[in-house]
Amino acid sequence: MQWLDSLNDIVNVVNNYLWSYVLIALLIGLGLWFTIRTKFVQIRCLGEMFRLVGECVGSAPRPGHISTFQAFCVSTASRVGVGNIAGIAIAVVLGGPGAVF
């Protein structure tokens, strides 16, 4: 099937082009655009973020609710934990049990 080979060649050329400088420029450009558009919310609200995360530490949350710090911990654990588990599993499969140590 010659048309499948031609389609594969076209997709490979477009893929190689997009995953090089185009994607990097697009990500940097959009990051700067959103930063300017939101008036540097990452920097402006940094103190507010720390205040919200730390305001309920040590106190009991309302019944049926979780504190902002607990939500932050669950969110971080879900992102970091799954990556670590998958990374260890792949390391053991590829490098054997010695990869853990």
Protein backbone atom coordinates (compact mmCIF):
# COMPACT_ATOMS: atom_id res chain seq x y z
CA MET A 1 0.00 0.00 0.00
CA GLN A 2 1.88 2.93 -1.35
CA TRP A 3 -0.54 5.56 -0.05
CA LEU A 4 0.04 4.37 3.53
CA ASP A 5 3.80 4.77 3.08
CA SER A 6 3.27 8.26 1.66
CA LEU A 7 0.96 9.18 4.52
CA ASN A 8 3.49 7.84 7.02
CA ASP A 9 6.26 9.92 5.43
CA ILE A 10 4.10 13.07 5.58
CA VAL A 11 3.17 12.48 9.21
CA ASN A 12 6.84 11.88 10.10
CA VAL A 13 7.95 15.11 8.44
CA VAL A 14 5.22 17.15 10.17
CA ASN A 15 5.91 15.41 13.48
CA ASN A 16 9.65 16.09 13.33
CA TYR A 17 9.02 19.73 12.45
CA LEU A 18 6.44 20.35 15.17
CA TRP A 19 8.33 18.60 17.97
CA SER A 20 11.46 20.67 17.39
CA TYR A 21 11.58 24.44 17.62
CA VAL A 22 7.90 25.07 16.89
CA LEU A 23 6.71 23.42 20.10
CA ILE A 24 9.39 25.12 22.21
CA ALA A 25 8.57 28.54 20.77
CA LEU A 26 4.84 27.93 21.17
CA LEU A 27 5.16 26.87 24.82
CA ILE A 28 7.39 29.80 25.73
CA GLY A 29 5.22 32.27 23.81
CA LEU A 30 1.99 31.04 25.37
CA GLY A 31 3.55 31.03 28.82
CA LEU A 32 4.57 34.65 28.43
CA TRP A 33 1.19 35.59 26.94
CA PHE A 34 -0.76 34.02 29.80
CA THR A 35 1.61 35.59 32.34
CA ILE A 36 1.05 39.05 30.88
CA ARG A 37 -2.67 38.48 30.33
CA THR A 38 -3.20 37.44 33.97
CA LYS A 39 -1.01 40.32 35.17
CA PHE A 40 1.70 38.07 36.65
CA VAL A 41 -0.65 36.16 38.94
CA GLN A 42 2.11 33.65 39.74
CA ILE A 43 4.14 36.40 41.39
CA ARG A 44 1.34 38.65 42.68
CA CYS A 45 -0.47 35.90 44.57
CA LEU A 46 2.54 34.01 45.91
CA GLY A 47 2.01 35.29 49.45
CA GLU A 48 -1.72 34.52 49.27
CA MET A 49 -0.90 30.95 48.20
CA PHE A 50 1.32 30.37 51.22
CA ARG A 51 -1.30 31.96 53.48
CA LEU A 52 -4.07 29.71 52.18
CA VAL A 53 -1.98 26.55 52.36
CA GLY A 54 -0.83 27.25 55.89
CA GLU A 55 -3.93 28.81 57.45
CA CYS A 56 -5.55 25.59 58.67
CA VAL A 57 -2.43 23.66 59.66
CA GLY A 58 -2.98 22.21 63.11
CA SER A 59 -6.67 23.07 63.33
CA ALA A 60 -9.55 20.73 62.61
CA PRO A 61 -11.42 21.40 59.37
CA ARG A 62 -15.17 21.84 59.27
CA PRO A 63 -17.08 18.57 59.42
CA GLY A 64 -17.27 16.96 56.00
CA HIS A 65 -14.53 19.18 54.55
CA ILE A 66 -10.77 18.98 54.16
CA SER A 67 -8.35 21.80 54.77
CA THR A 68 -6.41 23.50 52.01
CA PHE A 69 -3.22 21.94 53.31
CA GLN A 70 -4.77 18.45 53.16
CA ALA A 71 -5.93 19.11 49.60
CA PHE A 72 -2.42 20.27 48.70
CA CYS A 73 -0.85 17.14 50.22
CA VAL A 74 -3.26 14.80 48.42
CA SER A 75 -2.67 16.58 45.12
CA THR A 76 1.11 16.45 45.50
CA ALA A 77 1.06 12.81 46.58
CA SER A 78 -1.07 11.81 43.62
CA ARG A 79 1.35 13.41 41.18
CA VAL A 80 4.64 12.44 42.78
CA GLY A 81 3.61 9.02 44.07
CA VAL A 82 2.38 7.61 40.77
CA GLY A 83 5.52 8.79 38.97
CA ASN A 84 7.79 7.22 41.57
CA ILE A 85 5.92 3.91 41.53
CA ALA A 86 6.00 3.74 37.74
CA GLY A 87 9.67 4.78 37.67
CA ILE A 88 10.71 2.09 40.13
CA ALA A 89 8.68 -0.56 38.29
CA ILE A 90 10.29 0.33 34.96
CA ALA A 91 13.77 0.42 36.55
CA VAL A 92 13.30 -3.04 38.04
CA VAL A 93 12.00 -4.43 34.75
CA LEU A 94 14.87 -2.97 32.74
CA GLY A 95 17.72 -3.20 35.23
CA GLY A 96 16.71 -5.98 37.59
CA PRO A 97 16.28 -5.81 41.36
CA GLY A 98 19.64 -4.09 41.80
CA ALA A 99 18.14 -0.94 40.25
CA VAL A 100 16.30 -0.25 43.50
CA PHE A 101 19.55 0.05 45.41
